Protein backbone atom coordinates (compact mmCIF):
# COMPACT_ATOMS: atom_id res chain seq x y z
CA UNK A 1 -102.25 -70.01 -132.83
CA UNK A 2 -103.05 -66.88 -130.91
CA UNK A 3 -101.39 -63.82 -129.44
CA UNK A 4 -99.99 -64.24 -125.93
CA UNK A 5 -99.64 -61.62 -123.19
CA UNK A 6 -96.40 -60.39 -124.78
CA UNK A 7 -98.19 -59.60 -128.05
CA UNK A 8 -96.30 -62.30 -129.95
CA UNK A 9 -98.28 -64.84 -131.94
CA UNK A 10 -97.53 -68.41 -130.95
CA UNK A 11 -98.42 -71.48 -128.98
CA UNK A 12 -98.40 -72.11 -125.25
CA UNK A 13 -96.96 -75.37 -123.90
CA UNK A 14 -98.22 -76.88 -120.65
CA UNK A 15 -96.10 -79.84 -119.42
CA UNK A 16 -96.62 -82.03 -116.35
CA UNK A 17 -93.33 -83.39 -115.06
CA UNK A 18 -92.88 -86.34 -112.72
CA UNK A 19 -90.09 -87.08 -110.30
CA UNK A 20 -89.69 -90.42 -108.55
CA UNK A 21 -87.04 -92.02 -106.38
CA UNK A 22 -86.43 -94.60 -109.11
CA UNK A 23 -86.18 -92.43 -112.21
CA UNK A 24 -84.91 -89.19 -113.63
CA UNK A 25 -87.61 -86.49 -113.98
CA UNK A 26 -89.73 -86.97 -117.09
CA UNK A 27 -92.71 -85.38 -118.86
CA UNK A 28 -95.80 -87.45 -118.01
CA UNK A 29 -98.33 -85.35 -119.94
CA UNK A 30 -98.37 -82.23 -122.11
CA UNK A 31 -100.68 -79.88 -123.92
CA UNK A 32 -100.04 -77.38 -126.69
CA UNK A 33 -102.54 -74.53 -126.66
CA UNK A 34 -103.05 -71.26 -128.49
CA UNK A 35 -101.08 -68.33 -127.10
CA UNK A 36 -104.09 -66.67 -125.47
CA UNK A 37 -105.00 -69.71 -123.36
CA UNK A 38 -105.54 -69.19 -119.65
CA UNK A 39 -102.86 -70.87 -117.50
CA UNK A 40 -105.33 -73.40 -116.07
CA UNK A 41 -107.07 -74.13 -119.39
CA UNK A 42 -107.03 -77.91 -119.88
CA UNK A 43 -105.53 -78.54 -116.45
CA UNK A 44 -108.09 -81.15 -115.39
CA UNK A 45 -107.26 -83.47 -118.29
CA UNK A 46 -103.53 -82.78 -117.98
CA UNK A 47 -103.52 -83.73 -114.28
CA UNK A 48 -105.62 -86.83 -114.88
CA UNK A 49 -103.30 -87.98 -117.67
CA UNK A 50 -100.13 -87.33 -115.65
CA UNK A 51 -101.44 -89.19 -112.59
CA UNK A 52 -102.54 -92.10 -114.79
CA UNK A 53 -99.03 -92.26 -116.30
CA UNK A 54 -97.46 -92.42 -112.84
CA UNK A 55 -99.91 -95.11 -111.75
CA UNK A 56 -98.93 -97.21 -114.78
CA UNK A 57 -95.21 -96.70 -114.11
CA UNK A 58 -95.35 -97.36 -110.36
CA UNK A 59 -98.59 -99.13 -109.42
CA UNK A 60 -99.60 -98.50 -105.81
CA UNK A 61 -96.98 -95.80 -105.22
CA UNK A 62 -98.18 -92.69 -103.37
CA UNK A 63 -98.56 -89.66 -105.62
CA UNK A 64 -98.27 -86.01 -104.58
CA UNK A 65 -99.34 -83.35 -107.07
CA UNK A 66 -97.65 -79.99 -106.55
CA UNK A 67 -99.44 -77.10 -108.21
CA UNK A 68 -98.56 -73.43 -108.49
CA UNK A 69 -101.26 -70.82 -108.00
CA UNK A 70 -102.50 -71.15 -111.60
CA UNK A 71 -103.90 -74.56 -110.59
CA UNK A 72 -105.63 -73.26 -107.47
CA UNK A 73 -109.08 -74.23 -108.66
CA UNK A 74 -111.66 -76.99 -108.68
CA UNK A 75 -110.75 -78.70 -111.97
CA UNK A 76 -107.11 -79.73 -111.37
CA UNK A 77 -107.57 -80.36 -107.64
CA UNK A 78 -110.64 -82.55 -108.14
CA UNK A 79 -108.85 -84.52 -110.89
CA UNK A 80 -105.92 -85.24 -108.57
CA UNK A 81 -108.19 -86.15 -105.65
CA UNK A 82 -110.33 -88.44 -107.83
CA UNK A 83 -107.16 -90.34 -108.74
CA UNK A 84 -106.19 -90.68 -105.07
CA UNK A 85 -103.24 -88.28 -105.17
CA UNK A 86 -102.12 -86.01 -102.35
CA UNK A 87 -102.13 -82.31 -103.19
CA UNK A 88 -99.86 -79.37 -102.47
CA UNK A 89 -101.02 -76.12 -104.07
CA UNK A 90 -99.95 -72.52 -103.78
CA UNK A 91 -102.96 -70.39 -102.89
CA UNK A 92 -103.53 -66.68 -103.15
CA UNK A 93 -103.82 -65.13 -99.69
CA UNK A 94 -107.34 -63.86 -100.24
CA UNK A 95 -109.74 -63.34 -97.30
CA UNK A 96 -111.27 -66.83 -97.64
CA UNK A 97 -107.84 -68.52 -97.52
CA UNK A 98 -106.74 -66.42 -94.54
CA UNK A 99 -109.96 -67.32 -92.73
CA UNK A 100 -109.47 -71.04 -93.44
CA UNK A 101 -105.89 -70.89 -92.15
CA UNK A 102 -106.88 -69.19 -88.90
CA UNK A 103 -109.77 -71.61 -88.35
CA UNK A 104 -107.72 -74.78 -88.96
CA UNK A 105 -106.80 -76.48 -85.67
CA UNK A 106 -103.06 -76.85 -85.04
CA UNK A 107 -103.39 -80.66 -84.92
CA UNK A 108 -104.91 -80.73 -88.44
CA UNK A 109 -101.74 -79.41 -90.13
CA UNK A 110 -99.46 -82.05 -91.64
CA UNK A 111 -95.80 -81.56 -92.47
CA UNK A 112 -94.56 -82.20 -95.98
CA UNK A 113 -90.96 -82.28 -97.15
CA UNK A 114 -90.01 -80.60 -100.39
CA UNK A 115 -87.54 -82.25 -102.73
CA UNK A 116 -86.27 -78.81 -103.72
CA UNK A 117 -85.30 -76.76 -100.70
CA UNK A 118 -85.83 -72.99 -100.86
CA UNK A 119 -83.31 -70.49 -99.48
CA UNK A 120 -84.90 -68.24 -96.84
CA UNK A 121 -83.24 -64.81 -96.89
CA UNK A 122 -84.42 -63.98 -93.37
CA UNK A 123 -83.00 -67.06 -91.64
CA UNK A 124 -80.21 -67.64 -94.19
CA UNK A 125 -81.14 -71.32 -94.23
CA UNK A 126 -82.59 -73.85 -96.65
CA UNK A 127 -86.24 -74.63 -95.99
CA UNK A 128 -87.66 -77.96 -97.18
CA UNK A 129 -90.66 -78.35 -94.91
CA UNK A 130 -94.15 -76.94 -95.46
CA UNK A 131 -97.62 -77.51 -93.99
């Protein structure tokens, strides 16, 4: 056990959930770490285990890993890519990311549909498409 950011001693759980068209969402992999663990600590093995679980449950099915910004790093992304999964990851808008976005040709962007639409306050509409 360790002390987390809130100053409370405890453990930190890291689950990987899976959603398919044929099943209810379920936990495909999990880790229990000391409270001071970095958000991405152990992410490579967690991603590899979760993808392996999906491949056993639905052999040959396409897999898309969706990561928040804590997983914006080499370890989890390379684990997903090595397993043949597609990746959607939230990235910090640092100068390198902004440069990559502006240098990416318009034809290179691919649309992806989100299973959980987000309400856009500006347009007052649900948004379920990203690039």
